[in-house]
């Protein structure tokens, strides 16, 4: 599972029209505090597109029903994302993302 960003990069990099977007699948599991993967990037060294996608990806994962659990209520997901601001997520991205629902 932890290798899927690398696999995505390897699979998609030969596709010329996707090259500009490779940061998204490759870096979306990096964390603001540097504890993510695959490269342990931190802060603004994580490409902006990946920082944005990370928030959207977690939103979708938590809100959606899965075979092993029901999706979370919107406010619970908003609270979780807010709590992870500055840890998992770029605080500025969180601020903008959460303001979109207001």
Protein backbone atom coordinates (compact mmCIF):
# COMPACT_ATOMS: atom_id res chain seq x y z
CA UNK A 1 0.00 0.00 0.00
CA UNK A 2 2.75 2.49 0.88
CA UNK A 3 4.33 1.95 -2.52
CA UNK A 4 1.29 2.96 -4.55
CA UNK A 5 2.55 6.55 -5.10
CA UNK A 6 5.72 5.14 -6.64
CA UNK A 7 3.78 2.66 -8.76
CA UNK A 8 1.51 5.45 -9.99
CA UNK A 9 4.52 7.57 -10.90
CA UNK A 10 6.12 4.70 -12.81
CA UNK A 11 2.90 3.82 -14.65
CA UNK A 12 1.90 7.37 -15.53
CA UNK A 13 5.25 9.00 -16.31
CA UNK A 14 5.46 7.61 -19.86
CA UNK A 15 2.14 9.32 -20.69
CA UNK A 16 3.28 12.69 -22.00
CA UNK A 17 0.08 14.67 -21.34
CA UNK A 18 0.05 13.53 -17.69
CA UNK A 19 3.62 14.53 -16.86
CA UNK A 20 2.65 17.96 -15.53
CA UNK A 21 0.27 16.31 -13.05
CA UNK A 22 2.60 13.56 -11.75
CA UNK A 23 3.18 15.42 -8.49
CA UNK A 24 -0.38 14.62 -7.47
CA UNK A 25 -0.26 10.81 -7.42
CA UNK A 26 3.39 10.78 -6.38
CA UNK A 27 3.21 13.23 -3.46
CA UNK A 28 -0.36 13.13 -2.13
CA UNK A 29 0.68 11.03 0.89
CA UNK A 30 3.42 13.41 1.96
CA UNK A 31 2.51 15.21 5.18
CA UNK A 32 3.05 18.82 6.18
CA UNK A 33 5.13 17.74 9.20
CA UNK A 34 7.39 15.48 7.10
CA UNK A 35 6.05 12.16 8.38
CA UNK A 36 4.47 11.11 5.09
CA UNK A 37 5.69 9.02 2.19
CA UNK A 38 7.27 8.15 -0.24
CA UNK A 39 10.01 10.78 0.25
CA UNK A 40 9.25 12.33 3.63
CA UNK A 41 8.80 15.81 2.16
CA UNK A 42 7.62 18.52 4.53
CA UNK A 43 5.91 21.89 4.30
CA UNK A 44 6.18 23.82 1.08
CA UNK A 45 8.61 21.29 -0.40
CA UNK A 46 5.46 19.24 -1.09
CA UNK A 47 4.09 20.37 -4.46
CA UNK A 48 0.99 22.56 -4.06
CA UNK A 49 -1.18 20.35 -6.28
CA UNK A 50 -0.41 17.37 -4.04
CA UNK A 51 -1.15 19.40 -0.87
CA UNK A 52 -4.55 20.35 -2.28
CA UNK A 53 -5.30 16.82 -3.43
CA UNK A 54 -4.33 15.36 -0.05
CA UNK A 55 -7.15 17.28 1.64
CA UNK A 56 -9.67 16.38 -1.06
CA UNK A 57 -8.59 12.73 -0.97
CA UNK A 58 -9.03 12.44 2.80
CA UNK A 59 -12.38 14.25 2.57
CA UNK A 60 -13.60 11.75 -0.02
CA UNK A 61 -12.19 8.72 1.81
CA UNK A 62 -13.82 9.63 5.12
CA UNK A 63 -17.17 10.79 3.71
CA UNK A 64 -17.62 7.70 1.53
CA UNK A 65 -19.12 4.43 2.68
CA UNK A 66 -16.63 1.59 2.57
CA UNK A 67 -17.27 -2.15 2.86
CA UNK A 68 -15.72 -2.03 6.35
CA UNK A 69 -17.36 1.19 7.66
CA UNK A 70 -19.97 3.84 6.99
CA UNK A 71 -18.85 7.24 5.77
CA UNK A 72 -18.40 9.92 8.40
CA UNK A 73 -20.77 12.83 8.84
CA UNK A 74 -19.63 16.07 7.20
CA UNK A 75 -18.94 17.91 10.45
CA UNK A 76 -16.82 15.03 11.80
CA UNK A 77 -14.70 15.11 8.63
CA UNK A 78 -14.38 18.91 8.82
CA UNK A 79 -13.23 18.55 12.46
CA UNK A 80 -10.70 15.87 11.53
CA UNK A 81 -9.24 17.94 8.70
CA UNK A 82 -9.09 20.99 10.98
CA UNK A 83 -7.29 18.92 13.66
CA UNK A 84 -4.74 17.73 11.10
CA UNK A 85 -3.96 21.25 9.88
CA UNK A 86 -0.23 21.81 10.32
CA UNK A 87 0.37 18.09 10.91
CA UNK A 88 -0.94 16.20 7.89
CA UNK A 89 -2.17 19.15 5.85
CA UNK A 90 -0.97 22.57 4.74
CA UNK A 91 -2.80 25.02 7.05
CA UNK A 92 -3.51 27.45 4.22
CA UNK A 93 -5.00 24.71 2.05
CA UNK A 94 -7.19 23.59 4.97
CA UNK A 95 -8.39 27.14 5.56
CA UNK A 96 -9.41 27.61 1.92
CA UNK A 97 -10.88 24.13 1.60
CA UNK A 98 -13.06 24.46 4.69
CA UNK A 99 -14.17 27.97 3.70
CA UNK A 100 -15.66 26.57 0.48
CA UNK A 101 -18.41 24.86 2.46
CA UNK A 102 -19.39 27.96 4.40
